[in-house]
C-alpha atoms as a PDB file:
ATOM      1  CA  MET A   1      10.463   9.670   4.502  1.00  0.00           C
ATOM      2  CA  ASP A   2      12.458   7.536   5.295  1.00  0.00           C
ATOM      3  CA  VAL A   3      13.386   5.788   8.882  1.00  0.00           C
ATOM      4  CA  THR A   4      15.122   8.085  10.944  1.00  0.00           C
ATOM      5  CA  ALA A   5      12.216  10.467   9.615  1.00  0.00           C
ATOM      6  CA  LEU A   6       9.735   8.795  11.049  1.00  0.00           C
ATOM      7  CA  ARG A   7      11.379   8.343  13.980  1.00  0.00           C
ATOM      8  CA  ALA A   8      11.845  11.808  14.167  1.00  0.00           C
ATOM      9  CA  LEU A   9       8.379  12.475  13.696  1.00  0.00           C
ATOM     10  CA  GLN A  10       7.031   9.905  16.183  1.00  0.00           C
ATOM     11  CA  ALA A  11       9.248  10.415  19.164  1.00  0.00           C
ATOM     12  CA  PRO A  12       8.303  12.919  20.485  1.00  0.00           C
ATOM     13  CA  LEU A  13       4.291  12.353  20.361  1.00  0.00           C
ATOM     14  CA  LYS A  14       5.813   8.566  21.815  1.00  0.00           C
ATOM     15  CA  ASP A  15       7.371  10.114  24.223  1.00  0.00           C
ATOM     16  CA  GLU A  16       3.762  11.968  26.164  1.00  0.00           C
ATOM     17  CA  TYR A  17       1.437   9.108  25.333  1.00  0.00           C
ATOM     18  CA  ARG A  18       4.029   7.515  27.474  1.00  0.00           C
ATOM     19  CA  THR A  19       4.396   9.698  30.288  1.00  0.00           C
ATOM     20  CA  ASN A  20       0.825  11.096  29.488  1.00  0.00           C
ATOM     21  CA  PRO A  21      -1.406   7.644  28.257  1.00  0.00           C
ATOM     22  CA  ASP A  22      -4.715   9.943  28.819  1.00  0.00           C
ATOM     23  CA  ALA A  23      -2.789  11.848  25.406  1.00  0.00           C
ATOM     24  CA  ALA A  24      -3.226   8.864  23.690  1.00  0.00           C
ATOM     25  CA  VAL A  25      -6.817   8.616  24.078  1.00  0.00           C
ATOM     26  CA  ILE A  26      -8.665  10.742  20.915  1.00  0.00           C
ATOM     27  CA  THR A  27     -12.572  10.455  20.301  1.00  0.00           C
ATOM     28  CA  LEU A  28     -12.710  10.917  16.425  1.00  0.00           C
ATOM     29  CA  LYS A  29     -15.843  11.846  14.916  1.00  0.00           C
ATOM     30  CA  ALA A  30     -18.229  11.304  11.865  1.00  0.00           C
ATOM     31  CA  HIS A  31     -21.341  13.438  10.645  1.00  0.00           C
ATOM     32  CA  GLY A  32     -24.102  13.269   8.323  1.00  0.00           C
ATOM     33  CA  GLU A  33     -27.474  14.843   7.699  1.00  0.00           C
ATOM     34  CA  LEU A  34     -30.116  13.041   6.026  1.00  0.00           C
ATOM     35  CA  ASP A  35     -31.416  13.489   2.430  1.00  0.00           C
ATOM     36  CA  ASP A  36     -34.948  15.052   2.428  1.00  0.00           C
ATOM     37  CA  GLN A  37     -35.520  13.455  -0.671  1.00  0.00           C
ATOM     38  CA  ASN A  38     -34.476  10.042  -0.776  1.00  0.00           C
ATOM     39  CA  ILE A  39     -32.973   7.437   0.594  1.00  0.00           C
ATOM     40  CA  ALA A  40     -29.415   9.099   1.039  1.00  0.00           C
ATOM     41  CA  CYS A  41     -26.997  10.573   3.770  1.00  0.00           C
ATOM     42  CA  LYS A  42     -24.850  13.344   3.226  1.00  0.00           C
ATOM     43  CA  VAL A  43     -21.524  12.682   5.060  1.00  0.00           C
ATOM     44  CA  GLU A  44     -18.585  15.114   5.789  1.00  0.00           C
ATOM     45  CA  THR A  45     -15.184  13.183   5.118  1.00  0.00           C
ATOM     46  CA  GLY A  46     -12.751  16.323   5.157  1.00  0.00           C
ATOM     47  CA  ARG A  47     -11.972  17.445   2.356  1.00  0.00           C
ATOM     48  CA  ALA A  48     -15.721  16.857   0.639  1.00  0.00           C
ATOM     49  CA  ILE A  49     -18.747  16.062   1.192  1.00  0.00           C
ATOM     50  CA  ALA A  50     -20.005  12.445  -0.486  1.00  0.00           C
ATOM     51  CA  LEU A  51     -23.380  11.381  -0.498  1.00  0.00           C
ATOM     52  CA  ALA A  52     -23.893   7.286   1.185  1.00  0.00           C
ATOM     53  CA  GLY A  53     -27.475   5.765  -0.364  1.00  0.00           C
ATOM     54  CA  LEU A  54     -28.741   2.483  -1.175  1.00  0.00           C
ATOM     55  CA  HIS A  55     -26.834  -0.417  -2.576  1.00  0.00           C
ATOM     56  CA  PRO A  56     -28.231  -1.200  -5.935  1.00  0.00           C
ATOM     57  CA  ALA A  57     -29.320  -4.680  -4.661  1.00  0.00           C
ATOM     58  CA  THR A  58     -31.315  -3.443  -1.574  1.00  0.00           C
ATOM     59  CA  GLY A  59     -32.815  -0.841  -4.073  1.00  0.00           C
ATOM     60  CA  GLY A  60     -30.223   1.651  -4.900  1.00  0.00           C
ATOM     61  CA  SER A  61     -29.748   3.087  -8.259  1.00  0.00           C
ATOM     62  CA  GLY A  62     -25.533   3.332  -7.831  1.00  0.00           C
ATOM     63  CA  ALA A  63     -25.764   6.902  -8.047  1.00  0.00           C
ATOM     64  CA  GLU A  64     -24.355   7.191  -4.260  1.00  0.00           C
ATOM     65  CA  LEU A  65     -21.327   6.385  -2.533  1.00  0.00           C
ATOM     66  CA  CYS A  66     -22.891   1.939  -0.951  1.00  0.00           C
ATOM     67  CA  SER A  67     -21.271   2.238   2.835  1.00  0.00           C
ATOM     68  CA  GLY A  68     -20.264  -1.280   2.913  1.00  0.00           C
ATOM     69  CA  ASP A  69     -18.003  -0.061  -0.019  1.00  0.00           C
ATOM     70  CA  MET A  70     -16.618   2.440   1.889  1.00  0.00           C
ATOM     71  CA  LEU A  71     -15.225   0.563   4.755  1.00  0.00           C
ATOM     72  CA  LEU A  72     -13.634  -1.231   1.967  1.00  0.00           C
ATOM     73  CA  GLU A  73     -12.458   1.521   1.078  1.00  0.00           C
ATOM     74  CA  ALA A  74     -11.450   3.371   4.375  1.00  0.00           C
ATOM     75  CA  LEU A  75      -9.404  -0.896   5.009  1.00  0.00           C
ATOM     76  CA  VAL A  76      -7.412  -0.066   2.045  1.00  0.00           C
ATOM     77  CA  ALA A  77      -6.118   3.714   3.614  1.00  0.00           C
ATOM     78  CA  CYS A  78      -5.354   2.408   6.439  1.00  0.00           C
ATOM     79  CA  ALA A  79      -4.317  -0.624   5.644  1.00  0.00           C
ATOM     80  CA  GLY A  80      -2.222   1.240   2.867  1.00  0.00           C
ATOM     81  CA  VAL A  81      -1.181   4.422   5.054  1.00  0.00           C
ATOM     82  CA  THR A  82       0.209   1.309   8.066  1.00  0.00           C
ATOM     83  CA  LEU A  83       2.121  -0.608   5.555  1.00  0.00           C
ATOM     84  CA  LYS A  84       3.991   2.694   4.499  1.00  0.00           C
ATOM     85  CA  ALA A  85       4.987   3.206   7.718  1.00  0.00           C
ATOM     86  CA  VAL A  86       5.773  -0.340   8.818  1.00  0.00           C
ATOM     87  CA  ALA A  87       8.132  -0.977   5.698  1.00  0.00           C
ATOM     88  CA  THR A  88       9.165   2.577   6.625  1.00  0.00           C
ATOM     89  CA  ALA A  89      10.751   1.972  10.083  1.00  0.00           C
ATOM     90  CA  LEU A  90      11.707  -2.046   8.926  1.00  0.00           C
ATOM     91  CA  GLU A  91      13.319  -0.121   6.036  1.00  0.00           C
ATOM     92  CA  ILE A  92      11.678  -2.194   3.526  1.00  0.00           C
ATOM     93  CA  GLU A  93      11.846  -0.320  -0.156  1.00  0.00           C
ATOM     94  CA  LEU A  94       8.562  -0.584  -1.810  1.00  0.00           C
ATOM     95  CA  LYS A  95       9.213  -0.008  -5.088  1.00  0.00           C
ATOM     96  CA  LYS A  96       5.586  -0.338  -5.907  1.00  0.00           C
ATOM     97  CA  GLY A  97       2.094  -1.564  -4.331  1.00  0.00           C
ATOM     98  CA  VAL A  98      -1.903  -2.241  -4.462  1.00  0.00           C
ATOM     99  CA  VAL A  99      -3.852  -2.291  -1.088  1.00  0.00           C
ATOM    100  CA  ARG A 100      -7.343  -4.171  -2.322  1.00  0.00           C
ATOM    101  CA  ALA A 101      -9.880  -4.992  -0.322  1.00  0.00           C
ATOM    102  CA  GLU A 102     -13.474  -7.483  -1.157  1.00  0.00           C
ATOM    103  CA  GLY A 103     -15.593  -8.429   1.304  1.00  0.00           C
ATOM    104  CA  ASP A 104     -18.800 -10.903   0.879  1.00  0.00           C
ATOM    105  CA  LEU A 105     -22.110  -9.189   1.698  1.00  0.00           C
ATOM    106  CA  ASP A 106     -25.667 -11.639   1.798  1.00  0.00           C
ATOM    107  CA  PHE A 107     -28.478  -9.391   0.538  1.00  0.00           C
ATOM    108  CA  ARG A 108     -31.300 -11.506   2.483  1.00  0.00           C
ATOM    109  CA  GLY A 109     -30.105 -10.143   5.547  1.00  0.00           C
ATOM    110  CA  THR A 110     -30.198  -6.548   5.125  1.00  0.00           C
ATOM    111  CA  LEU A 111     -33.247  -6.932   3.455  1.00  0.00           C
ATOM    112  CA  GLY A 112     -34.769  -9.162   6.238  1.00  0.00           C
ATOM    113  CA  VAL A 113     -35.916 -11.842   3.507  1.00  0.00           C
ATOM    114  CA  ALA A 114     -34.069 -14.552   5.655  1.00  0.00           C
ATOM    115  CA  LYS A 115     -33.070 -14.272   9.246  1.00  0.00           C
ATOM    116  CA  ASP A 116     -30.318 -16.654   8.817  1.00  0.00           C
ATOM    117  CA  ALA A 117     -28.647 -13.669   6.687  1.00  0.00           C
ATOM    118  CA  PRO A 118     -26.164 -12.461   8.702  1.00  0.00           C
ATOM    119  CA  VAL A 119     -25.981  -8.411   8.497  1.00  0.00           C
ATOM    120  CA  GLY A 120     -22.838  -7.369   7.383  1.00  0.00           C
ATOM    121  CA  PHE A 121     -19.313  -8.806   5.968  1.00  0.00           C
ATOM    122  CA  LYS A 122     -19.755 -12.814   6.412  1.00  0.00           C
ATOM    123  CA  ALA A 123     -16.192 -12.154   4.932  1.00  0.00           C
ATOM    124  CA  ILE A 124     -13.353  -9.740   4.270  1.00  0.00           C
ATOM    125  CA  ARG A 125     -10.204  -9.990   2.538  1.00  0.00           C
ATOM    126  CA  LEU A 126      -7.328  -8.048   2.333  1.00  0.00           C
ATOM    127  CA  PHE A 127      -4.123  -8.041   0.199  1.00  0.00           C
ATOM    128  CA  PHE A 128      -1.464  -6.611  -0.594  1.00  0.00           C
ATOM    129  CA  ASP A 129       1.312  -6.350  -4.164  1.00  0.00           C
ATOM    130  CA  VAL A 130       4.385  -5.072  -3.560  1.00  0.00           C
ATOM    131  CA  GLU A 131       6.987  -4.957  -5.763  1.00  0.00           C
ATOM    132  CA  THR A 132       9.578  -5.425  -3.439  1.00  0.00           C
ATOM    133  CA  ASP A 133      13.556  -6.883  -3.124  1.00  0.00           C
ATOM    134  CA  ALA A 134      13.118  -7.651   0.640  1.00  0.00           C
ATOM    135  CA  PRO A 135      13.558 -11.390   1.953  1.00  0.00           C
ATOM    136  CA  GLN A 136      10.724 -12.934   2.862  1.00  0.00           C
ATOM    137  CA  GLU A 137      11.261 -13.007   6.680  1.00  0.00           C
ATOM    138  CA  LYS A 138      10.965  -8.790   6.518  1.00  0.00           C
ATOM    139  CA  LEU A 139       7.855  -9.519   4.176  1.00  0.00           C
ATOM    140  CA  ASP A 140       6.599 -12.044   6.911  1.00  0.00           C
ATOM    141  CA  ALA A 141       7.449  -9.556   9.074  1.00  0.00           C
ATOM    142  CA  LEU A 142       5.719  -6.586   6.977  1.00  0.00           C
ATOM    143  CA  LEU A 143       2.273  -8.340   7.354  1.00  0.00           C
ATOM    144  CA  LYS A 144       2.389  -8.976  10.680  1.00  0.00           C
ATOM    145  CA  LEU A 145       3.331  -4.983  11.894  1.00  0.00           C
ATOM    146  CA  THR A 146       1.008  -4.178   9.449  1.00  0.00           C
ATOM    147  CA  GLU A 147      -2.112  -6.080  10.328  1.00  0.00           C
ATOM    148  CA  ARG A 148      -0.940  -5.677  14.150  1.00  0.00           C
ATOM    149  CA  TYR A 149      -0.787  -1.691  13.493  1.00  0.00           C
ATOM    150  CA  CYS A 150      -4.040  -0.833  11.353  1.00  0.00           C
ATOM    151  CA  VAL A 151      -6.104   0.911  13.383  1.00  0.00           C
ATOM    152  CA  VAL A 152      -9.497  -0.034  10.500  1.00  0.00           C
ATOM    153  CA  PHE A 153      -7.991  -3.303  10.426  1.00  0.00           C
ATOM    154  CA  GLN A 154      -7.825  -4.186  13.972  1.00  0.00           C
ATOM    155  CA  THR A 155     -11.148  -2.617  14.506  1.00  0.00           C
ATOM    156  CA  ILE A 156     -13.133  -4.889  12.219  1.00  0.00           C
ATOM    157  CA  SER A 157     -10.942  -8.390  13.433  1.00  0.00           C
ATOM    158  CA  GLY A 158     -11.592  -7.561  16.883  1.00  0.00           C
ATOM    159  CA  GLY A 159     -15.245  -6.598  17.377  1.00  0.00           C
ATOM    160  CA  THR A 160     -14.973  -3.950  18.670  1.00  0.00           C
ATOM    161  CA  SER A 161     -18.270  -2.484  20.781  1.00  0.00           C
ATOM    162  CA  CYS A 162     -20.642  -0.008  19.011  1.00  0.00           C
ATOM    163  CA  THR A 163     -23.873   1.552  20.942  1.00  0.00           C
ATOM    164  CA  SER A 164     -26.367   3.416  19.591  1.00  0.00           C
ATOM    165  CA  MET A 165     -29.570   6.265  20.632  1.00  0.00           C
ATOM    166  CA  LEU A 166     -30.967   7.553  19.283  1.00  0.00           C
ATOM    167  CA  ALA A 167     -32.562  10.320  20.443  1.00  0.00           C
ATOM    168  CA  ARG A 168     -35.670  12.901  19.266  1.00  0.00           C
ATOM    169  CA  VAL A 169     -34.795  16.553  18.528  1.00  0.00           C
ATOM    170  CA  SER A 170     -36.092  19.640  16.693  1.00  0.00           C
ATOM    171  CA  ILE A 171     -32.687  20.742  14.161  1.00  0.00           C
END
């Protein structure tokens, strides 16, 4: 896709969202069912069912997906798509590219071993390795705009408000 095709695709959406801001607010949803045999949760991904379970560092077998890995995978996917879209908009040719994310967890927190250990990632690092002839100033703009427009990056780095509820129901 080139910049003209991208702009043509997005222009009507941008116009609609400018005139009707409420149309731009969409609630995304995820759904999972608790596994009745194991400490696991079956998550519908839209394409398949993913079975998430305990990480081996918390007693899991390693056969199921770790939700921490899934979070990093979501970051890589979103950042990769955003990078490609921004590169297209800036007319930066990316011959090849790799997106990687890594995060540090102290499992003492999630296991309740040490109250001073955080539950969750202590740090997340996102890496982009690109093959391109673009000048450095364009690459600096590419990184800045990718960070700015990547939904998952902004959600993680922005400390989004998060609430939870537990309801007793008959299923």
